[in-house]
Amino acid sequence: MSTPNDWKELLGKAYSISTEDIEREVKEEKAVAEKAKMKLRVAIDRKNRSGKTVTIVTGFDDEDSASSLAKIIKTKLGTGGSVKDCEIVLQGDLRDKVLPILLKEGYNSAKKI
């Protein structure tokens, strides 16, 4: 528990921000802006998959963002999947479960097809 005189210990101490902290904050702001611009589509597919249903998330700009998001989705849903050609391919019909995760991660223009 803090005492009323704890603020006195902080007197005379300076607070500074390094350039690394500023650069990291700028990168994070750019990432959030890029997420909002991406128009993601969530669809299912059965063609050329031996009759098995898969969920496909398309519309990524680069494969790095797709792979990081795929890891999050696969962990939260406990399902298998992969990233190919800037698309996330998940096993099963998970459209209704994937869409809220995309919106929560900041992809506001995601739509279910």
N, C-alpha and C. Protein backbone atom coordinates (compact mmCIF):
# COMPACT_ATOMS: atom_id res chain seq x y z
N MET A 1 0.84 -1.17 0.00
CA MET A 1 0.00 0.00 0.00
C MET A 1 0.89 1.24 0.00
N SER A 2 0.54 2.22 -0.79
CA SER A 2 1.36 3.41 -0.89
C SER A 2 1.02 4.39 0.23
N THR A 3 2.04 5.10 0.62
CA THR A 3 1.84 6.12 1.65
C THR A 3 1.66 7.47 0.99
N PRO A 4 1.13 8.46 1.69
CA PRO A 4 0.89 9.77 1.09
C PRO A 4 2.16 10.46 0.63
N ASN A 5 3.33 10.06 1.10
CA ASN A 5 4.57 10.74 0.75
C ASN A 5 5.34 10.05 -0.38
N ASP A 6 4.76 9.05 -1.05
CA ASP A 6 5.45 8.36 -2.14
C ASP A 6 5.75 9.27 -3.31
N TRP A 7 4.96 10.28 -3.53
CA TRP A 7 5.17 11.17 -4.67
C TRP A 7 6.46 11.97 -4.52
N LYS A 8 6.91 12.11 -3.29
CA LYS A 8 8.14 12.87 -3.05
C LYS A 8 9.36 12.14 -3.61
N GLU A 9 9.30 10.83 -3.67
CA GLU A 9 10.40 10.05 -4.21
C GLU A 9 10.56 10.30 -5.71
N LEU A 10 9.50 10.67 -6.39
CA LEU A 10 9.55 10.89 -7.83
C LEU A 10 10.03 12.28 -8.20
N LEU A 11 10.12 13.18 -7.24
CA LEU A 11 10.60 14.52 -7.53
C LEU A 11 12.04 14.50 -8.01
N GLY A 12 12.33 15.28 -9.02
CA GLY A 12 13.68 15.37 -9.53
C GLY A 12 14.01 14.32 -10.57
N LYS A 13 13.10 13.38 -10.83
CA LYS A 13 13.33 12.36 -11.85
C LYS A 13 12.70 12.82 -13.16
N ALA A 14 13.40 12.60 -14.23
CA ALA A 14 12.92 13.02 -15.55
C ALA A 14 12.37 11.80 -16.30
N TYR A 15 11.42 12.07 -17.16
CA TYR A 15 10.82 11.03 -17.99
C TYR A 15 11.19 11.33 -19.43
N SER A 16 11.72 10.36 -20.12
CA SER A 16 12.08 10.59 -21.52
C SER A 16 11.57 9.44 -22.37
N ILE A 17 11.41 9.73 -23.65
CA ILE A 17 10.97 8.73 -24.61
C ILE A 17 12.08 8.58 -25.63
N SER A 18 12.50 7.35 -25.85
CA SER A 18 13.56 7.12 -26.83
C SER A 18 12.97 7.14 -28.24
N THR A 19 13.83 7.29 -29.22
CA THR A 19 13.38 7.31 -30.62
C THR A 19 12.83 5.95 -31.03
N GLU A 20 13.31 4.88 -30.41
CA GLU A 20 12.80 3.55 -30.70
C GLU A 20 11.33 3.44 -30.30
N ASP A 21 10.98 4.02 -29.16
CA ASP A 21 9.59 3.99 -28.72
C ASP A 21 8.69 4.75 -29.68
N ILE A 22 9.16 5.88 -30.15
CA ILE A 22 8.37 6.69 -31.09
C ILE A 22 8.20 5.94 -32.41
N GLU A 23 9.28 5.33 -32.91
CA GLU A 23 9.20 4.58 -34.17
C GLU A 23 8.24 3.40 -34.04
N ARG A 24 8.26 2.72 -32.90
CA ARG A 24 7.36 1.58 -32.69
C ARG A 24 5.90 2.04 -32.68
N GLU A 25 5.63 3.18 -32.05
CA GLU A 25 4.26 3.71 -32.02
C GLU A 25 3.79 4.09 -33.41
N VAL A 26 4.67 4.65 -34.22
CA VAL A 26 4.31 5.02 -35.59
C VAL A 26 4.01 3.77 -36.41
N LYS A 27 4.80 2.72 -36.25
CA LYS A 27 4.56 1.46 -36.97
C LYS A 27 3.22 0.86 -36.57
N GLU A 28 2.90 0.91 -35.27
CA GLU A 28 1.63 0.36 -34.80
C GLU A 28 0.45 1.14 -35.37
N GLU A 29 0.58 2.47 -35.47
CA GLU A 29 -0.49 3.28 -36.04
C GLU A 29 -0.69 2.97 -37.51
N LYS A 30 0.41 2.76 -38.24
CA LYS A 30 0.32 2.41 -39.65
C LYS A 30 -0.34 1.04 -39.83
N ALA A 31 -0.01 0.10 -38.95
CA ALA A 31 -0.59 -1.23 -39.03
C ALA A 31 -2.10 -1.19 -38.82
N VAL A 32 -2.55 -0.37 -37.87
CA VAL A 32 -3.98 -0.23 -37.61
C VAL A 32 -4.68 0.39 -38.81
N ALA A 33 -4.05 1.39 -39.43
CA ALA A 33 -4.64 2.02 -40.61
C ALA A 33 -4.70 1.05 -41.78
N GLU A 34 -3.67 0.22 -41.94
CA GLU A 34 -3.67 -0.76 -43.02
C GLU A 34 -4.75 -1.82 -42.81
N LYS A 35 -4.97 -2.22 -41.58
CA LYS A 35 -6.01 -3.21 -41.29
C LYS A 35 -7.38 -2.68 -41.69
N ALA A 36 -7.62 -1.43 -41.41
CA ALA A 36 -8.92 -0.85 -41.73
C ALA A 36 -9.14 -0.75 -43.24
N LYS A 37 -8.06 -0.60 -44.01
CA LYS A 37 -8.19 -0.47 -45.46
C LYS A 37 -8.41 -1.80 -46.17
N MET A 38 -7.95 -2.90 -45.59
CA MET A 38 -8.07 -4.21 -46.24
C MET A 38 -9.52 -4.64 -46.30
N LYS A 39 -9.95 -5.06 -47.47
CA LYS A 39 -11.32 -5.55 -47.64
C LYS A 39 -11.28 -7.08 -47.68
N LEU A 40 -11.48 -7.67 -46.53
CA LEU A 40 -11.41 -9.12 -46.41
C LEU A 40 -12.75 -9.76 -46.72
N ARG A 41 -12.69 -10.91 -47.35
CA ARG A 41 -13.88 -11.69 -47.68
C ARG A 41 -13.74 -13.08 -47.07
N VAL A 42 -14.80 -13.55 -46.42
CA VAL A 42 -14.81 -14.86 -45.80
C VAL A 42 -15.81 -15.72 -46.57
N ALA A 43 -15.33 -16.81 -47.17
CA ALA A 43 -16.18 -17.66 -48.00
C ALA A 43 -15.86 -19.12 -47.71
N ILE A 44 -16.73 -20.01 -48.19
CA ILE A 44 -16.46 -21.45 -48.09
C ILE A 44 -16.22 -21.99 -49.49
N ASP A 45 -15.53 -23.12 -49.55
CA ASP A 45 -15.19 -23.74 -50.83
C ASP A 45 -15.19 -25.24 -50.66
N ARG A 46 -15.68 -25.94 -51.68
CA ARG A 46 -15.68 -27.40 -51.68
C ARG A 46 -15.02 -27.97 -52.93
N LYS A 47 -14.69 -27.13 -53.88
CA LYS A 47 -14.16 -27.59 -55.16
C LYS A 47 -12.72 -28.08 -55.00
N ASN A 48 -12.41 -29.19 -55.66
CA ASN A 48 -11.07 -29.78 -55.68
C ASN A 48 -10.55 -30.10 -54.28
N ARG A 49 -11.44 -30.45 -53.37
CA ARG A 49 -11.02 -30.76 -52.00
C ARG A 49 -11.64 -32.08 -51.52
N SER A 50 -11.96 -32.95 -52.44
CA SER A 50 -12.52 -34.26 -52.13
C SER A 50 -13.81 -34.16 -51.34
N GLY A 51 -14.62 -33.13 -51.59
CA GLY A 51 -15.89 -32.96 -50.93
C GLY A 51 -15.82 -32.36 -49.54
N LYS A 52 -14.64 -32.02 -49.09
CA LYS A 52 -14.49 -31.43 -47.75
C LYS A 52 -14.64 -29.91 -47.84
N THR A 53 -15.25 -29.34 -46.83
CA THR A 53 -15.50 -27.91 -46.80
C THR A 53 -14.35 -27.18 -46.12
N VAL A 54 -13.93 -26.07 -46.73
CA VAL A 54 -12.92 -25.22 -46.12
C VAL A 54 -13.41 -23.78 -46.12
N THR A 55 -12.94 -23.01 -45.16
CA THR A 55 -13.23 -21.58 -45.09
C THR A 55 -12.02 -20.83 -45.62
N ILE A 56 -12.25 -19.89 -46.54
CA ILE A 56 -11.16 -19.13 -47.14
C ILE A 56 -11.35 -17.65 -46.81
N VAL A 57 -10.28 -17.02 -46.30
CA VAL A 57 -10.27 -15.58 -46.03
C VAL A 57 -9.33 -14.95 -47.04
N THR A 58 -9.86 -14.08 -47.90
CA THR A 58 -9.08 -13.46 -48.96
C THR A 58 -9.05 -11.94 -48.79
N GLY A 59 -8.13 -11.29 -49.51
CA GLY A 59 -8.08 -9.84 -49.52
C GLY A 59 -6.90 -9.24 -48.78
N PHE A 60 -5.89 -10.03 -48.47
CA PHE A 60 -4.72 -9.53 -47.75
C PHE A 60 -3.74 -8.88 -48.72
N ASP A 61 -3.04 -7.85 -48.23
CA ASP A 61 -2.03 -7.16 -49.03
C ASP A 61 -0.71 -7.92 -49.06
N ASP A 62 -0.34 -8.51 -47.94
CA ASP A 62 0.92 -9.25 -47.88
C ASP A 62 0.74 -10.52 -47.07
N GLU A 63 1.66 -11.44 -47.27
CA GLU A 63 1.54 -12.75 -46.64
C GLU A 63 1.87 -12.71 -45.14
N ASP A 64 2.63 -11.72 -44.71
CA ASP A 64 2.98 -11.61 -43.28
C ASP A 64 1.74 -11.34 -42.43
N SER A 65 0.91 -10.41 -42.88
CA SER A 65 -0.30 -10.11 -42.11
C SER A 65 -1.26 -11.30 -42.13
N ALA A 66 -1.30 -12.01 -43.26
CA ALA A 66 -2.17 -13.18 -43.36
C ALA A 66 -1.70 -14.29 -42.42
N SER A 67 -0.40 -14.52 -42.36
CA SER A 67 0.10 -15.60 -41.51
C SER A 67 -0.05 -15.28 -40.03
N SER A 68 0.14 -14.02 -39.65
CA SER A 68 -0.04 -13.68 -38.24
C SER A 68 -1.50 -13.79 -37.82
N LEU A 69 -2.41 -13.37 -38.70
CA LEU A 69 -3.83 -13.49 -38.40
C LEU A 69 -4.28 -14.95 -38.40
N ALA A 70 -3.72 -15.75 -39.30
CA ALA A 70 -4.06 -17.17 -39.36
C ALA A 70 -3.69 -17.87 -38.05
N LYS A 71 -2.56 -17.51 -37.49
CA LYS A 71 -2.13 -18.11 -36.23
C LYS A 71 -3.13 -17.77 -35.12
N ILE A 72 -3.59 -16.53 -35.09
CA ILE A 72 -4.55 -16.11 -34.07
C ILE A 72 -5.86 -16.88 -34.23
N ILE A 73 -6.36 -16.96 -35.46
CA ILE A 73 -7.64 -17.62 -35.72
C ILE A 73 -7.55 -19.11 -35.40
N LYS A 74 -6.49 -19.76 -35.84
CA LYS A 74 -6.35 -21.20 -35.59
C LYS A 74 -6.25 -21.50 -34.10
N THR A 75 -5.60 -20.62 -33.35
CA THR A 75 -5.48 -20.82 -31.91
C THR A 75 -6.82 -20.64 -31.22
N LYS A 76 -7.55 -19.59 -31.58
CA LYS A 76 -8.83 -19.31 -30.93
C LYS A 76 -9.89 -20.36 -31.26
N LEU A 77 -9.89 -20.87 -32.50
CA LEU A 77 -10.91 -21.83 -32.90
C LEU A 77 -10.48 -23.27 -32.74
N GLY A 78 -9.20 -23.52 -32.54
CA GLY A 78 -8.72 -24.88 -32.37
C GLY A 78 -8.90 -25.71 -33.62
N THR A 79 -8.56 -25.15 -34.75
CA THR A 79 -8.73 -25.84 -36.01
C THR A 79 -7.44 -25.79 -36.82
N GLY A 80 -7.37 -26.60 -37.85
CA GLY A 80 -6.20 -26.61 -38.71
C GLY A 80 -6.38 -25.66 -39.88
N GLY A 81 -5.28 -25.31 -40.49
CA GLY A 81 -5.36 -24.42 -41.63
C GLY A 81 -3.98 -24.06 -42.12
N SER A 82 -3.95 -23.24 -43.19
CA SER A 82 -2.68 -22.82 -43.76
C SER A 82 -2.85 -21.48 -44.46
N VAL A 83 -1.72 -20.91 -44.90
CA VAL A 83 -1.73 -19.67 -45.65
C VAL A 83 -1.07 -19.95 -46.99
N LYS A 84 -1.80 -19.66 -48.08
CA LYS A 84 -1.27 -19.86 -49.42
C LYS A 84 -1.69 -18.68 -50.29
N ASP A 85 -0.74 -18.07 -50.97
CA ASP A 85 -1.02 -16.97 -51.90
C ASP A 85 -1.83 -15.86 -51.23
N CYS A 86 -1.42 -15.44 -50.06
CA CYS A 86 -2.09 -14.37 -49.30
C CYS A 86 -3.55 -14.71 -48.99
N GLU A 87 -3.85 -15.97 -48.82
CA GLU A 87 -5.19 -16.42 -48.42
C GLU A 87 -5.06 -17.35 -47.22
N ILE A 88 -6.00 -17.23 -46.30
CA ILE A 88 -6.04 -18.15 -45.16
C ILE A 88 -7.05 -19.24 -45.50
N VAL A 89 -6.62 -20.49 -45.40
CA VAL A 89 -7.48 -21.64 -45.66
C VAL A 89 -7.64 -22.40 -44.35
N LEU A 90 -8.88 -22.49 -43.85
CA LEU A 90 -9.18 -23.16 -42.58
C LEU A 90 -10.05 -24.38 -42.84
N GLN A 91 -9.85 -25.43 -42.07
CA GLN A 91 -10.63 -26.65 -42.24
C GLN A 91 -12.01 -26.49 -41.64
N GLY A 92 -13.05 -26.76 -42.44
CA GLY A 92 -14.43 -26.72 -41.96
C GLY A 92 -15.13 -25.42 -42.32
N ASP A 93 -16.44 -25.39 -42.10
CA ASP A 93 -17.24 -24.19 -42.35
C ASP A 93 -17.25 -23.34 -41.09
N LEU A 94 -16.39 -22.34 -41.04
CA LEU A 94 -16.21 -21.51 -39.85
C LEU A 94 -16.52 -20.04 -40.11
N ARG A 95 -17.30 -19.75 -41.13
CA ARG A 95 -17.57 -18.36 -41.48
C ARG A 95 -18.16 -17.57 -40.32
N ASP A 96 -19.11 -18.15 -39.63
CA ASP A 96 -19.78 -17.43 -38.53
C ASP A 96 -18.86 -17.21 -37.34
N LYS A 97 -17.85 -18.03 -37.19
CA LYS A 97 -16.92 -17.88 -36.06
C LYS A 97 -15.73 -16.99 -36.41
N VAL A 98 -15.34 -16.97 -37.68
CA VAL A 98 -14.17 -16.20 -38.10
C VAL A 98 -14.47 -14.71 -38.18
N LEU A 99 -15.66 -14.36 -38.63
CA LEU A 99 -16.01 -12.95 -38.83
C LEU A 99 -15.89 -12.11 -37.56
N PRO A 100 -16.40 -12.55 -36.40
CA PRO A 100 -16.22 -11.75 -35.18
C PRO A 100 -14.75 -11.60 -34.77
N ILE A 101 -13.93 -12.61 -35.05
CA ILE A 101 -12.51 -12.52 -34.72
C ILE A 101 -11.85 -11.46 -35.60
N LEU A 102 -12.21 -11.42 -36.88
CA LEU A 102 -11.65 -10.41 -37.78
C LEU A 102 -12.03 -9.00 -37.34
N LEU A 103 -13.29 -8.83 -36.96
CA LEU A 103 -13.74 -7.51 -36.52
C LEU A 103 -13.04 -7.09 -35.23
N LYS A 104 -12.83 -8.03 -34.33
CA LYS A 104 -12.17 -7.73 -33.07
C LYS A 104 -10.70 -7.37 -33.29
N GLU A 105 -10.06 -7.96 -34.30
CA GLU A 105 -8.66 -7.68 -34.59
C GLU A 105 -8.46 -6.38 -35.35
N GLY A 106 -9.55 -5.72 -35.75
CA GLY A 106 -9.41 -4.42 -36.40
C GLY A 106 -9.69 -4.41 -37.88
N TYR A 107 -10.08 -5.52 -38.46
CA TYR A 107 -10.40 -5.58 -39.88
C TYR A 107 -11.89 -5.25 -40.04
N ASN A 108 -12.22 -3.96 -40.05
CA ASN A 108 -13.60 -3.50 -40.01
C ASN A 108 -14.36 -3.72 -41.30
N SER A 109 -13.67 -3.91 -42.42
CA SER A 109 -14.37 -4.07 -43.69
C SER A 109 -14.51 -5.55 -44.08
N ALA A 110 -14.40 -6.46 -43.13
CA ALA A 110 -14.54 -7.89 -43.42
C ALA A 110 -16.01 -8.23 -43.64
N LYS A 111 -16.26 -9.05 -44.66
CA LYS A 111 -17.63 -9.45 -44.98
C LYS A 111 -17.70 -10.95 -45.25
N LYS A 112 -18.86 -11.52 -44.96
CA LYS A 112 -19.10 -12.93 -45.22
C LYS A 112 -19.75 -13.07 -46.58
N ILE A 113 -19.23 -13.98 -47.39
CA ILE A 113 -19.82 -14.21 -48.72
C ILE A 113 -20.60 -15.51 -48.69
